[in-house]
């Protein structure tokens, strides 16, 4: 993810997005989320675009254009504890 520069006004949106993704991928949600369980059966990497259609993620962006900088953050690598 090197080379991606985040502007100050985008930091709040990215922080909200990070928090929402942490919720989706947290133990309590993953235990009951069959959709994400199925996606994670074969890989520990998910495309960020997978989450861009989720209603709560859409709400973070307020229906506005998602910046190129956020779109560049394509993969989410999950660390297995």
N, C-alpha and C. Protein backbone atom coordinates (compact mmCIF):
# COMPACT_ATOMS: atom_id res chain seq x y z
N UNK A 1 0.82 -1.18 0.00
CA UNK A 1 0.00 0.00 0.00
C UNK A 1 0.86 1.25 0.00
N UNK A 2 2.11 1.11 -0.24
CA UNK A 2 2.99 2.24 -0.28
C UNK A 2 2.61 3.18 -1.40
N UNK A 3 2.91 4.44 -1.22
CA UNK A 3 2.66 5.43 -2.25
C UNK A 3 1.28 6.05 -2.20
N UNK A 4 0.40 5.58 -1.35
CA UNK A 4 -0.93 6.16 -1.25
C UNK A 4 -0.87 7.29 -0.23
N UNK A 5 -1.22 8.49 -0.67
CA UNK A 5 -1.20 9.66 0.20
C UNK A 5 -2.63 10.01 0.55
N UNK A 6 -2.91 10.13 1.84
CA UNK A 6 -4.26 10.42 2.31
C UNK A 6 -4.31 11.88 2.77
N UNK A 7 -5.24 12.65 2.23
CA UNK A 7 -5.43 14.04 2.63
C UNK A 7 -6.09 14.09 4.00
N UNK A 8 -5.88 15.20 4.72
CA UNK A 8 -6.44 15.35 6.06
C UNK A 8 -7.95 15.15 6.09
N UNK A 9 -8.67 15.69 5.11
CA UNK A 9 -10.13 15.58 5.12
C UNK A 9 -10.60 14.15 4.82
N UNK A 10 -9.73 13.31 4.32
CA UNK A 10 -10.08 11.92 4.05
C UNK A 10 -9.78 11.02 5.25
N UNK A 11 -8.98 11.51 6.18
CA UNK A 11 -8.58 10.67 7.31
C UNK A 11 -9.77 10.24 8.16
N UNK A 12 -10.73 11.13 8.37
CA UNK A 12 -11.91 10.78 9.15
C UNK A 12 -12.74 9.70 8.49
N UNK A 13 -12.89 9.79 7.17
CA UNK A 13 -13.64 8.79 6.42
C UNK A 13 -12.91 7.45 6.48
N UNK A 14 -11.62 7.49 6.32
CA UNK A 14 -10.85 6.25 6.35
C UNK A 14 -10.88 5.63 7.73
N UNK A 15 -10.85 6.45 8.77
CA UNK A 15 -10.95 5.93 10.14
C UNK A 15 -12.30 5.25 10.36
N UNK A 16 -13.38 5.87 9.88
CA UNK A 16 -14.71 5.26 10.00
C UNK A 16 -14.77 3.95 9.21
N UNK A 17 -14.19 3.96 8.02
CA UNK A 17 -14.16 2.76 7.19
C UNK A 17 -13.37 1.65 7.89
N UNK A 18 -12.23 2.00 8.44
CA UNK A 18 -11.41 1.02 9.16
C UNK A 18 -12.19 0.40 10.32
N UNK A 19 -12.87 1.25 11.08
CA UNK A 19 -13.66 0.75 12.22
C UNK A 19 -14.77 -0.19 11.76
N UNK A 20 -15.43 0.16 10.65
CA UNK A 20 -16.52 -0.68 10.15
C UNK A 20 -15.98 -2.01 9.65
N UNK A 21 -14.84 -1.97 8.95
CA UNK A 21 -14.25 -3.21 8.46
C UNK A 21 -13.78 -4.09 9.61
N UNK A 22 -13.25 -3.46 10.66
CA UNK A 22 -12.84 -4.23 11.83
C UNK A 22 -14.05 -4.92 12.47
N UNK A 23 -15.20 -4.24 12.46
CA UNK A 23 -16.42 -4.86 12.96
C UNK A 23 -16.80 -6.07 12.09
N UNK A 24 -16.87 -5.85 10.77
CA UNK A 24 -17.27 -6.94 9.87
C UNK A 24 -16.36 -8.15 10.03
N UNK A 25 -15.08 -7.91 10.23
CA UNK A 25 -14.10 -8.99 10.27
C UNK A 25 -13.76 -9.44 11.69
N UNK A 26 -14.45 -8.87 12.67
CA UNK A 26 -14.23 -9.25 14.06
C UNK A 26 -14.84 -10.61 14.37
N UNK A 27 -14.34 -11.22 15.42
CA UNK A 27 -14.78 -12.56 15.80
C UNK A 27 -16.29 -12.66 16.00
N UNK A 28 -16.88 -11.68 16.68
CA UNK A 28 -18.32 -11.77 16.98
C UNK A 28 -19.17 -11.70 15.72
N UNK A 29 -18.79 -10.90 14.74
CA UNK A 29 -19.55 -10.82 13.50
C UNK A 29 -19.27 -12.01 12.60
N UNK A 30 -18.00 -12.37 12.46
CA UNK A 30 -17.65 -13.48 11.56
C UNK A 30 -18.27 -14.80 12.00
N UNK A 31 -18.51 -14.95 13.28
CA UNK A 31 -19.10 -16.19 13.79
C UNK A 31 -20.49 -16.42 13.21
N UNK A 32 -21.18 -15.35 12.81
CA UNK A 32 -22.56 -15.51 12.30
C UNK A 32 -22.74 -15.02 10.87
N UNK A 33 -21.72 -14.47 10.26
CA UNK A 33 -21.83 -13.92 8.90
C UNK A 33 -21.42 -14.96 7.88
N UNK A 34 -22.39 -15.68 7.35
CA UNK A 34 -22.13 -16.77 6.41
C UNK A 34 -21.50 -16.26 5.10
N UNK A 35 -21.91 -15.08 4.65
CA UNK A 35 -21.36 -14.51 3.42
C UNK A 35 -19.85 -14.35 3.53
N UNK A 36 -19.38 -13.69 4.60
CA UNK A 36 -17.94 -13.48 4.76
C UNK A 36 -17.22 -14.79 5.07
N UNK A 37 -17.86 -15.68 5.80
CA UNK A 37 -17.25 -16.98 6.08
C UNK A 37 -16.94 -17.71 4.77
N UNK A 38 -17.89 -17.68 3.85
CA UNK A 38 -17.70 -18.36 2.57
C UNK A 38 -16.56 -17.71 1.79
N UNK A 39 -16.49 -16.38 1.80
CA UNK A 39 -15.41 -15.68 1.09
C UNK A 39 -14.05 -16.02 1.67
N UNK A 40 -14.00 -16.25 2.98
CA UNK A 40 -12.73 -16.49 3.66
C UNK A 40 -12.31 -17.96 3.68
N UNK A 41 -13.14 -18.84 3.12
CA UNK A 41 -12.80 -20.26 3.13
C UNK A 41 -11.51 -20.55 2.37
N UNK A 42 -11.28 -19.83 1.29
CA UNK A 42 -10.15 -20.16 0.43
C UNK A 42 -8.99 -19.16 0.49
N UNK A 43 -9.18 -18.04 1.17
CA UNK A 43 -8.12 -17.02 1.19
C UNK A 43 -8.22 -16.16 2.44
N UNK A 44 -7.12 -15.52 2.78
CA UNK A 44 -7.15 -14.56 3.89
C UNK A 44 -7.11 -13.13 3.36
N UNK A 45 -7.26 -12.97 2.04
CA UNK A 45 -7.28 -11.65 1.43
C UNK A 45 -8.65 -11.40 0.82
N UNK A 46 -9.16 -10.21 1.06
CA UNK A 46 -10.44 -9.82 0.48
C UNK A 46 -10.25 -8.52 -0.27
N UNK A 47 -10.91 -8.39 -1.40
CA UNK A 47 -10.89 -7.14 -2.16
C UNK A 47 -11.72 -6.10 -1.40
N UNK A 48 -11.21 -4.90 -1.31
CA UNK A 48 -11.95 -3.82 -0.66
C UNK A 48 -13.29 -3.60 -1.36
N UNK A 49 -13.32 -3.80 -2.66
CA UNK A 49 -14.56 -3.59 -3.42
C UNK A 49 -15.70 -4.47 -2.92
N UNK A 50 -15.37 -5.59 -2.29
CA UNK A 50 -16.40 -6.47 -1.72
C UNK A 50 -17.26 -5.71 -0.72
N UNK A 51 -16.63 -4.84 0.06
CA UNK A 51 -17.33 -4.12 1.12
C UNK A 51 -18.01 -2.84 0.64
N UNK A 52 -17.66 -2.35 -0.53
CA UNK A 52 -18.20 -1.07 -1.00
C UNK A 52 -19.69 -1.12 -1.30
N UNK A 53 -20.25 -2.32 -1.42
CA UNK A 53 -21.69 -2.45 -1.63
C UNK A 53 -22.46 -2.66 -0.34
N UNK A 54 -21.75 -2.78 0.79
CA UNK A 54 -22.42 -2.95 2.07
C UNK A 54 -23.06 -1.61 2.47
N UNK A 55 -24.29 -1.65 2.97
CA UNK A 55 -25.03 -0.43 3.28
C UNK A 55 -24.30 0.48 4.27
N UNK A 56 -23.71 -0.08 5.29
CA UNK A 56 -23.03 0.76 6.29
C UNK A 56 -21.79 1.42 5.71
N UNK A 57 -21.12 0.74 4.81
CA UNK A 57 -19.95 1.34 4.15
C UNK A 57 -20.42 2.46 3.21
N UNK A 58 -21.51 2.22 2.49
CA UNK A 58 -22.07 3.27 1.63
C UNK A 58 -22.43 4.50 2.46
N UNK A 59 -22.97 4.28 3.65
CA UNK A 59 -23.37 5.40 4.52
C UNK A 59 -22.15 6.21 4.97
N UNK A 60 -21.03 5.57 5.16
CA UNK A 60 -19.81 6.29 5.56
C UNK A 60 -19.43 7.31 4.50
N UNK A 61 -19.60 6.93 3.25
CA UNK A 61 -19.26 7.83 2.15
C UNK A 61 -20.40 8.76 1.79
N UNK A 62 -21.55 8.58 2.41
CA UNK A 62 -22.69 9.46 2.18
C UNK A 62 -23.16 9.48 0.74
N UNK A 63 -22.95 8.38 0.03
CA UNK A 63 -23.36 8.32 -1.36
C UNK A 63 -22.47 9.12 -2.28
N UNK A 64 -21.42 9.73 -1.73
CA UNK A 64 -20.53 10.53 -2.55
C UNK A 64 -19.50 9.65 -3.23
N UNK A 65 -18.83 10.23 -4.17
CA UNK A 65 -17.79 9.56 -4.92
C UNK A 65 -16.69 9.08 -3.98
N UNK A 66 -16.30 7.84 -4.10
CA UNK A 66 -15.22 7.28 -3.29
C UNK A 66 -13.91 7.66 -3.96
N UNK A 67 -13.05 8.32 -3.21
CA UNK A 67 -11.83 8.86 -3.80
C UNK A 67 -10.93 7.78 -4.37
N UNK A 68 -10.15 8.14 -5.37
CA UNK A 68 -9.19 7.23 -5.98
C UNK A 68 -8.22 6.70 -4.93
N UNK A 69 -7.89 7.53 -3.95
CA UNK A 69 -6.94 7.10 -2.93
C UNK A 69 -7.48 5.93 -2.12
N UNK A 70 -8.75 5.97 -1.79
CA UNK A 70 -9.36 4.87 -1.05
C UNK A 70 -9.48 3.64 -1.95
N UNK A 71 -9.83 3.84 -3.20
CA UNK A 71 -9.95 2.72 -4.12
C UNK A 71 -8.61 2.02 -4.33
N UNK A 72 -7.52 2.73 -4.17
CA UNK A 72 -6.19 2.13 -4.34
C UNK A 72 -5.90 1.14 -3.23
N UNK A 73 -6.57 1.25 -2.11
CA UNK A 73 -6.36 0.32 -1.01
C UNK A 73 -7.17 -0.94 -1.29
N UNK A 74 -6.70 -1.75 -2.23
CA UNK A 74 -7.49 -2.82 -2.81
C UNK A 74 -7.65 -4.05 -1.93
N UNK A 75 -6.60 -4.48 -1.29
CA UNK A 75 -6.67 -5.74 -0.55
C UNK A 75 -6.64 -5.55 0.94
N UNK A 76 -7.35 -6.38 1.61
CA UNK A 76 -7.33 -6.42 3.07
C UNK A 76 -6.73 -7.76 3.43
N UNK A 77 -5.60 -7.75 4.09
CA UNK A 77 -4.94 -8.97 4.53
C UNK A 77 -5.36 -9.27 5.95
N UNK A 78 -5.86 -10.44 6.20
CA UNK A 78 -6.28 -10.81 7.54
C UNK A 78 -5.16 -11.56 8.24
N UNK A 79 -4.89 -11.17 9.45
CA UNK A 79 -3.90 -11.87 10.26
C UNK A 79 -4.63 -12.89 11.12
N UNK A 80 -4.18 -14.11 11.07
CA UNK A 80 -4.79 -15.17 11.86
C UNK A 80 -4.08 -15.21 13.21
N UNK A 81 -4.86 -15.11 14.27
CA UNK A 81 -4.29 -15.13 15.63
C UNK A 81 -4.20 -16.53 16.15
